[in-house]
Amino acid sequence: MEPPSPSAILVLNHSGRRLRLARLKTVLGSVLGHDRPVELILLDERAMRALNYRSRGVDEATDVLTFPAPDFPGSPIGEIAVCVDFAERQAQERGIKLDEELCYLAIHGALHLRGFDDIEDGDRAKMSAEMHRYGLLLGLPE
């Protein structure tokens, strides 16, 4: 299958930061590999904390949240919310660039939309291996 057209991938930057978005669209297109639209929403820590509380009842920020959409013809596959502030701290800890960490978080969210889970150890290992595989394919650091 062909990756989604760039118009099928909408990136909304509400982080208050200037970020390069083209690479994130490429990453999502590579992982999702179909033509259902997807939204990637980039948030600051305050907005992510509020979203995490509203959606999961957890009163703290997190790195990525994924919201699958109902599966019917023409529907989007879902939304991925990424906290740029959280990603920046993780990038510093890992010794990589912010845009590289954002790509990994986009991969993580896209894999959730494809049905991967990371709650159980075995599922987490499968998801981690798939993230690593896509990272290598896309030229991201390990």
N, C-alpha and C. Protein backbone atom coordinates (compact mmCIF):
# COMPACT_ATOMS: atom_id res chain seq x y z
N MET A 1 0.83 -1.18 0.00
CA MET A 1 0.00 0.00 0.00
C MET A 1 0.87 1.24 0.00
N GLU A 2 0.33 2.27 -0.54
CA GLU A 2 1.05 3.54 -0.59
C GLU A 2 0.87 4.29 0.73
N PRO A 3 1.92 5.05 1.13
CA PRO A 3 1.74 5.86 2.33
C PRO A 3 0.71 6.95 2.08
N PRO A 4 0.12 7.49 3.14
CA PRO A 4 -0.88 8.52 2.95
C PRO A 4 -0.28 9.75 2.30
N SER A 5 -1.09 10.47 1.57
CA SER A 5 -0.63 11.71 0.98
C SER A 5 -0.37 12.70 2.10
N PRO A 6 0.51 13.68 1.87
CA PRO A 6 0.80 14.66 2.93
C PRO A 6 -0.46 15.34 3.44
N SER A 7 -1.49 15.49 2.58
CA SER A 7 -2.71 16.15 3.03
C SER A 7 -3.50 15.27 3.99
N ALA A 8 -3.23 13.95 4.01
CA ALA A 8 -3.92 13.05 4.93
C ALA A 8 -3.29 13.09 6.33
N ILE A 9 -2.17 13.78 6.45
CA ILE A 9 -1.48 13.89 7.73
C ILE A 9 -1.49 15.36 8.14
N LEU A 10 -2.23 15.66 9.18
CA LEU A 10 -2.35 17.03 9.66
C LEU A 10 -1.55 17.17 10.94
N VAL A 11 -0.61 18.10 10.96
CA VAL A 11 0.18 18.36 12.16
C VAL A 11 -0.23 19.73 12.69
N LEU A 12 -0.74 19.73 13.92
CA LEU A 12 -1.16 20.96 14.58
C LEU A 12 -0.17 21.28 15.69
N ASN A 13 0.54 22.37 15.54
CA ASN A 13 1.56 22.74 16.53
C ASN A 13 0.98 23.77 17.50
N HIS A 14 0.58 23.29 18.67
CA HIS A 14 0.06 24.16 19.73
C HIS A 14 1.06 24.24 20.89
N SER A 15 2.31 23.96 20.59
CA SER A 15 3.34 23.93 21.64
C SER A 15 3.92 25.31 21.94
N GLY A 16 3.68 26.26 21.06
CA GLY A 16 4.29 27.58 21.23
C GLY A 16 5.74 27.61 20.80
N ARG A 17 6.22 26.55 20.14
CA ARG A 17 7.62 26.44 19.71
C ARG A 17 7.66 26.33 18.20
N ARG A 18 8.73 26.85 17.61
CA ARG A 18 8.95 26.67 16.17
C ARG A 18 9.59 25.31 15.97
N LEU A 19 8.93 24.47 15.20
CA LEU A 19 9.40 23.10 14.99
C LEU A 19 9.32 22.76 13.51
N ARG A 20 10.21 21.88 13.08
CA ARG A 20 10.14 21.35 11.72
C ARG A 20 9.12 20.23 11.70
N LEU A 21 8.18 20.31 10.78
CA LEU A 21 7.07 19.37 10.77
C LEU A 21 7.15 18.34 9.64
N ALA A 22 7.92 18.61 8.60
CA ALA A 22 7.95 17.73 7.43
C ALA A 22 8.41 16.32 7.80
N ARG A 23 9.43 16.21 8.64
CA ARG A 23 9.95 14.89 9.00
C ARG A 23 8.90 14.08 9.79
N LEU A 24 8.12 14.76 10.61
CA LEU A 24 7.07 14.08 11.36
C LEU A 24 6.01 13.51 10.41
N LYS A 25 5.69 14.24 9.36
CA LYS A 25 4.73 13.74 8.37
C LYS A 25 5.30 12.52 7.66
N THR A 26 6.58 12.55 7.33
CA THR A 26 7.23 11.41 6.67
C THR A 26 7.18 10.18 7.58
N VAL A 27 7.48 10.38 8.85
CA VAL A 27 7.47 9.29 9.83
C VAL A 27 6.08 8.67 9.91
N LEU A 28 5.07 9.49 10.07
CA LEU A 28 3.71 8.98 10.19
C LEU A 28 3.28 8.25 8.91
N GLY A 29 3.64 8.80 7.77
CA GLY A 29 3.32 8.14 6.51
C GLY A 29 3.98 6.79 6.38
N SER A 30 5.20 6.68 6.85
CA SER A 30 5.93 5.41 6.78
C SER A 30 5.33 4.36 7.71
N VAL A 31 4.93 4.75 8.89
CA VAL A 31 4.42 3.79 9.87
C VAL A 31 2.98 3.39 9.56
N LEU A 32 2.16 4.35 9.19
CA LEU A 32 0.75 4.05 8.99
C LEU A 32 0.48 3.38 7.65
N GLY A 33 1.18 3.80 6.61
CA GLY A 33 1.13 3.12 5.33
C GLY A 33 -0.24 2.93 4.71
N HIS A 34 -1.19 3.81 4.96
CA HIS A 34 -2.49 3.74 4.29
C HIS A 34 -3.03 5.15 4.15
N ASP A 35 -4.20 5.27 3.57
CA ASP A 35 -4.67 6.61 3.23
C ASP A 35 -5.71 7.18 4.19
N ARG A 36 -5.88 6.59 5.36
CA ARG A 36 -6.79 7.19 6.34
C ARG A 36 -6.09 8.38 7.00
N PRO A 37 -6.76 9.51 7.09
CA PRO A 37 -6.14 10.69 7.70
C PRO A 37 -5.77 10.46 9.16
N VAL A 38 -4.77 11.20 9.61
CA VAL A 38 -4.34 11.17 11.01
C VAL A 38 -3.96 12.60 11.40
N GLU A 39 -4.20 12.93 12.66
CA GLU A 39 -3.78 14.22 13.20
C GLU A 39 -2.70 14.01 14.25
N LEU A 40 -1.64 14.80 14.15
CA LEU A 40 -0.60 14.84 15.17
C LEU A 40 -0.69 16.21 15.81
N ILE A 41 -0.92 16.24 17.11
CA ILE A 41 -1.09 17.50 17.83
C ILE A 41 0.09 17.66 18.78
N LEU A 42 0.83 18.74 18.62
CA LEU A 42 2.00 19.02 19.45
C LEU A 42 1.59 20.03 20.52
N LEU A 43 1.77 19.64 21.78
CA LEU A 43 1.29 20.44 22.91
C LEU A 43 2.42 20.84 23.85
N ASP A 44 2.16 21.87 24.64
CA ASP A 44 3.09 22.19 25.73
C ASP A 44 2.69 21.35 26.94
N GLU A 45 3.48 21.44 27.99
CA GLU A 45 3.26 20.57 29.14
C GLU A 45 1.93 20.83 29.84
N ARG A 46 1.54 22.08 29.95
CA ARG A 46 0.28 22.42 30.61
C ARG A 46 -0.91 21.82 29.87
N ALA A 47 -0.92 21.96 28.54
CA ALA A 47 -2.02 21.42 27.74
C ALA A 47 -2.04 19.89 27.77
N MET A 48 -0.86 19.27 27.76
CA MET A 48 -0.82 17.80 27.80
C MET A 48 -1.30 17.29 29.15
N ARG A 49 -0.94 17.98 30.21
CA ARG A 49 -1.42 17.58 31.53
C ARG A 49 -2.94 17.64 31.59
N ALA A 50 -3.52 18.71 31.07
CA ALA A 50 -4.98 18.85 31.06
C ALA A 50 -5.63 17.75 30.21
N LEU A 51 -5.04 17.45 29.06
CA LEU A 51 -5.58 16.40 28.19
C LEU A 51 -5.48 15.04 28.86
N ASN A 52 -4.37 14.76 29.51
CA ASN A 52 -4.18 13.49 30.21
C ASN A 52 -5.21 13.35 31.34
N TYR A 53 -5.49 14.44 32.02
CA TYR A 53 -6.48 14.40 33.10
C TYR A 53 -7.88 14.16 32.55
N ARG A 54 -8.24 14.89 31.48
CA ARG A 54 -9.57 14.73 30.89
C ARG A 54 -9.78 13.34 30.30
N SER A 55 -8.74 12.79 29.67
CA SER A 55 -8.92 11.52 28.95
C SER A 55 -8.64 10.29 29.81
N ARG A 56 -7.75 10.41 30.81
CA ARG A 56 -7.36 9.23 31.59
C ARG A 56 -7.49 9.41 33.09
N GLY A 57 -7.82 10.64 33.54
CA GLY A 57 -7.93 10.89 34.96
C GLY A 57 -6.59 10.97 35.67
N VAL A 58 -5.51 11.16 34.90
CA VAL A 58 -4.15 11.24 35.46
C VAL A 58 -3.73 12.70 35.42
N ASP A 59 -3.46 13.29 36.59
CA ASP A 59 -3.15 14.71 36.70
C ASP A 59 -1.65 14.97 36.60
N GLU A 60 -1.08 14.60 35.47
CA GLU A 60 0.32 14.89 35.17
C GLU A 60 0.51 14.82 33.65
N ALA A 61 1.56 15.46 33.20
CA ALA A 61 1.88 15.41 31.77
C ALA A 61 2.45 14.04 31.43
N THR A 62 2.40 13.70 30.18
CA THR A 62 3.00 12.47 29.67
C THR A 62 3.59 12.79 28.31
N ASP A 63 4.34 11.86 27.74
CA ASP A 63 4.99 12.16 26.47
C ASP A 63 4.07 12.06 25.27
N VAL A 64 3.22 11.01 25.23
CA VAL A 64 2.37 10.81 24.06
C VAL A 64 1.05 10.14 24.48
N LEU A 65 -0.03 10.60 23.88
CA LEU A 65 -1.35 10.00 24.04
C LEU A 65 -1.91 9.72 22.65
N THR A 66 -2.62 8.62 22.53
CA THR A 66 -3.18 8.23 21.23
C THR A 66 -4.68 8.01 21.37
N PHE A 67 -5.41 8.51 20.39
CA PHE A 67 -6.86 8.40 20.40
C PHE A 67 -7.34 7.81 19.07
N PRO A 68 -7.56 6.49 19.04
CA PRO A 68 -8.06 5.88 17.81
C PRO A 68 -9.48 6.38 17.51
N ALA A 69 -9.78 6.51 16.23
CA ALA A 69 -11.12 6.91 15.81
C ALA A 69 -11.92 5.67 15.43
N PRO A 70 -13.24 5.77 15.42
CA PRO A 70 -14.05 4.63 14.97
C PRO A 70 -13.67 4.25 13.54
N ASP A 71 -13.77 2.97 13.25
CA ASP A 71 -13.38 2.47 11.94
C ASP A 71 -14.60 2.38 11.03
N PHE A 72 -14.74 3.39 10.17
CA PHE A 72 -15.77 3.35 9.15
C PHE A 72 -15.23 4.06 7.92
N PRO A 73 -15.78 3.77 6.73
CA PRO A 73 -15.23 4.33 5.49
C PRO A 73 -15.08 5.84 5.54
N GLY A 74 -13.88 6.29 5.18
CA GLY A 74 -13.59 7.71 5.13
C GLY A 74 -13.22 8.34 6.45
N SER A 75 -13.26 7.59 7.53
CA SER A 75 -12.93 8.17 8.84
C SER A 75 -11.42 8.26 9.01
N PRO A 76 -10.97 9.22 9.83
CA PRO A 76 -9.54 9.25 10.15
C PRO A 76 -9.18 8.04 11.00
N ILE A 77 -7.90 7.70 11.02
CA ILE A 77 -7.46 6.59 11.86
C ILE A 77 -7.41 7.02 13.33
N GLY A 78 -7.17 8.32 13.56
CA GLY A 78 -7.16 8.81 14.92
C GLY A 78 -6.28 10.03 15.09
N GLU A 79 -6.00 10.32 16.35
CA GLU A 79 -5.18 11.47 16.72
C GLU A 79 -4.06 11.02 17.65
N ILE A 80 -2.93 11.69 17.50
CA ILE A 80 -1.77 11.45 18.37
C ILE A 80 -1.40 12.81 18.97
N ALA A 81 -1.34 12.88 20.30
CA ALA A 81 -0.92 14.10 20.98
C ALA A 81 0.46 13.86 21.58
N VAL A 82 1.37 14.78 21.32
CA VAL A 82 2.74 14.69 21.81
C VAL A 82 3.09 15.95 22.59
N CYS A 83 3.69 15.77 23.76
CA CYS A 83 4.12 16.89 24.59
C CYS A 83 5.56 17.25 24.22
N VAL A 84 5.74 18.42 23.64
CA VAL A 84 7.07 18.86 23.19
C VAL A 84 8.00 19.08 24.37
N ASP A 85 7.51 19.64 25.47
CA ASP A 85 8.36 19.86 26.65
C ASP A 85 8.87 18.53 27.21
N PHE A 86 7.99 17.55 27.29
CA PHE A 86 8.35 16.22 27.77
C PHE A 86 9.37 15.59 26.81
N ALA A 87 9.12 15.74 25.52
CA ALA A 87 10.02 15.18 24.51
C ALA A 87 11.40 15.81 24.61
N GLU A 88 11.45 17.10 24.89
CA GLU A 88 12.73 17.77 25.00
C GLU A 88 13.56 17.20 26.16
N ARG A 89 12.93 16.96 27.29
CA ARG A 89 13.64 16.36 28.43
C ARG A 89 14.12 14.95 28.09
N GLN A 90 13.27 14.17 27.44
CA GLN A 90 13.66 12.81 27.06
C GLN A 90 14.80 12.84 26.05
N ALA A 91 14.77 13.77 25.13
CA ALA A 91 15.85 13.89 24.14
C ALA A 91 17.17 14.20 24.83
N GLN A 92 17.15 15.10 25.80
CA GLN A 92 18.37 15.43 26.54
C GLN A 92 18.89 14.22 27.30
N GLU A 93 18.00 13.47 27.94
CA GLU A 93 18.40 12.27 28.68
C GLU A 93 19.01 11.23 27.75
N ARG A 94 18.47 11.11 26.55
CA ARG A 94 18.93 10.11 25.59
C ARG A 94 20.10 10.60 24.74
N GLY A 95 20.41 11.89 24.81
CA GLY A 95 21.51 12.45 24.02
C GLY A 95 21.20 12.54 22.54
N ILE A 96 19.92 12.81 22.21
CA ILE A 96 19.53 12.97 20.81
C ILE A 96 18.86 14.33 20.64
N LYS A 97 18.60 14.69 19.39
CA LYS A 97 17.96 15.97 19.09
C LYS A 97 16.46 15.89 19.37
N LEU A 98 15.87 17.06 19.65
CA LEU A 98 14.44 17.13 19.92
C LEU A 98 13.63 16.57 18.76
N ASP A 99 13.96 16.93 17.52
CA ASP A 99 13.15 16.43 16.40
C ASP A 99 13.24 14.91 16.26
N GLU A 100 14.35 14.32 16.67
CA GLU A 100 14.48 12.86 16.63
C GLU A 100 13.59 12.21 17.69
N GLU A 101 13.54 12.79 18.88
CA GLU A 101 12.66 12.27 19.92
C GLU A 101 11.19 12.44 19.51
N LEU A 102 10.86 13.57 18.91
CA LEU A 102 9.49 13.76 18.43
C LEU A 102 9.13 12.70 17.40
N CYS A 103 10.07 12.34 16.54
CA CYS A 103 9.82 11.28 15.56
C CYS A 103 9.56 9.95 16.25
N TYR A 104 10.34 9.61 17.26
CA TYR A 104 10.11 8.37 17.99
C TYR A 104 8.74 8.37 18.67
N LEU A 105 8.33 9.50 19.22
CA LEU A 105 7.03 9.57 19.86
C LEU A 105 5.91 9.47 18.83
N ALA A 106 6.12 10.04 17.65
CA ALA A 106 5.14 9.90 16.56
C ALA A 106 5.04 8.43 16.14
N ILE A 107 6.18 7.74 16.06
CA ILE A 107 6.18 6.31 15.74
C ILE A 107 5.38 5.55 16.80
N HIS A 108 5.66 5.85 18.06
CA HIS A 108 4.97 5.19 19.17
C HIS A 108 3.46 5.36 19.04
N GLY A 109 3.03 6.59 18.84
CA GLY A 109 1.60 6.86 18.70
C GLY A 109 1.00 6.17 17.49
N ALA A 110 1.72 6.19 16.36
CA ALA A 110 1.23 5.53 15.15
C ALA A 110 1.10 4.03 15.35
N LEU A 111 2.03 3.44 16.08
CA LEU A 111 1.94 2.00 16.35
C LEU A 111 0.72 1.68 17.22
N HIS A 112 0.40 2.56 18.16
CA HIS A 112 -0.84 2.36 18.93
C HIS A 112 -2.04 2.37 17.99
N LEU A 113 -2.04 3.29 17.03
CA LEU A 113 -3.16 3.36 16.08
C LEU A 113 -3.23 2.12 15.20
N ARG A 114 -2.10 1.45 15.02
CA ARG A 114 -2.07 0.21 14.25
C ARG A 114 -2.39 -1.01 15.11
N GLY A 115 -2.66 -0.80 16.40
CA GLY A 115 -3.08 -1.90 17.25
C GLY A 115 -2.04 -2.42 18.22
N PHE A 116 -0.85 -1.84 18.23
CA PHE A 116 0.17 -2.26 19.19
C PHE A 116 -0.19 -1.72 20.57
N ASP A 117 0.23 -2.45 21.59
CA ASP A 117 -0.02 -2.04 22.97
C ASP A 117 1.28 -2.16 23.75
N ASP A 118 1.35 -1.48 24.89
CA ASP A 118 2.57 -1.53 25.68
C ASP A 118 2.30 -1.65 27.18
N ILE A 119 1.17 -2.27 27.51
CA ILE A 119 0.83 -2.43 28.93
C ILE A 119 1.53 -3.65 29.51
N GLU A 120 1.42 -4.78 28.85
CA GLU A 120 2.06 -6.02 29.31
C GLU A 120 3.51 -6.08 28.81
N ASP A 121 4.38 -6.74 29.54
CA ASP A 121 5.80 -6.82 29.18
C ASP A 121 6.02 -7.35 27.76
N GLY A 122 5.33 -8.44 27.41
CA GLY A 122 5.50 -9.03 26.08
C GLY A 122 5.07 -8.08 24.97
N ASP A 123 3.95 -7.39 25.18
CA ASP A 123 3.47 -6.41 24.20
C ASP A 123 4.43 -5.23 24.10
N ARG A 124 4.94 -4.80 25.26
CA ARG A 124 5.88 -3.67 25.29
C ARG A 124 7.15 -4.02 24.51
N ALA A 125 7.62 -5.26 24.64
CA ALA A 125 8.82 -5.70 23.91
C ALA A 125 8.56 -5.69 22.40
N LYS A 126 7.38 -6.16 21.99
CA LYS A 126 7.04 -6.15 20.55
C LYS A 126 6.97 -4.73 20.02
N MET A 127 6.35 -3.85 20.79
CA MET A 127 6.23 -2.45 20.35
C MET A 127 7.61 -1.80 20.29
N SER A 128 8.43 -2.06 21.27
CA SER A 128 9.78 -1.52 21.31
C SER A 128 10.59 -1.97 20.10
N ALA A 129 10.47 -3.25 19.76
CA ALA A 129 11.19 -3.79 18.60
C ALA A 129 10.71 -3.12 17.32
N GLU A 130 9.41 -2.89 17.22
CA GLU A 130 8.85 -2.25 16.02
C GLU A 130 9.28 -0.79 15.94
N MET A 131 9.32 -0.10 17.08
CA MET A 131 9.80 1.28 17.11
C MET A 131 11.26 1.33 16.66
N HIS A 132 12.05 0.40 17.15
CA HIS A 132 13.47 0.33 16.78
C HIS A 132 13.62 0.08 15.28
N ARG A 133 12.82 -0.84 14.74
CA ARG A 133 12.87 -1.16 13.32
C ARG A 133 12.54 0.08 12.47
N TYR A 134 11.48 0.79 12.83
CA TYR A 134 11.13 2.00 12.09
C TYR A 134 12.19 3.08 12.27
N GLY A 135 12.72 3.20 13.47
CA GLY A 135 13.79 4.18 13.68
C GLY A 135 14.97 3.95 12.76
N LEU A 136 15.39 2.69 12.63
CA LEU A 136 16.49 2.36 11.72
C LEU A 136 16.13 2.65 10.28
N LEU A 137 14.93 2.26 9.87
CA LEU A 137 14.47 2.51 8.49
C LEU A 137 14.46 4.00 8.16
N LEU A 138 14.13 4.81 9.15
CA LEU A 138 14.00 6.26 8.94
C LEU A 138 15.26 7.04 9.28
N GLY A 139 16.34 6.33 9.61
CA GLY A 139 17.62 6.99 9.87
C GLY A 139 17.70 7.70 11.20
N LEU A 140 16.92 7.27 12.17
CA LEU A 140 16.96 7.88 13.50
C LEU A 140 18.04 7.21 14.34
N PRO A 141 18.62 7.94 15.29
CA PRO A 141 19.62 7.32 16.18
C PRO A 141 18.94 6.32 17.11
N GLU A 142 19.72 5.36 17.58
CA GLU A 142 19.17 4.35 18.50
C GLU A 142 19.02 4.89 19.89
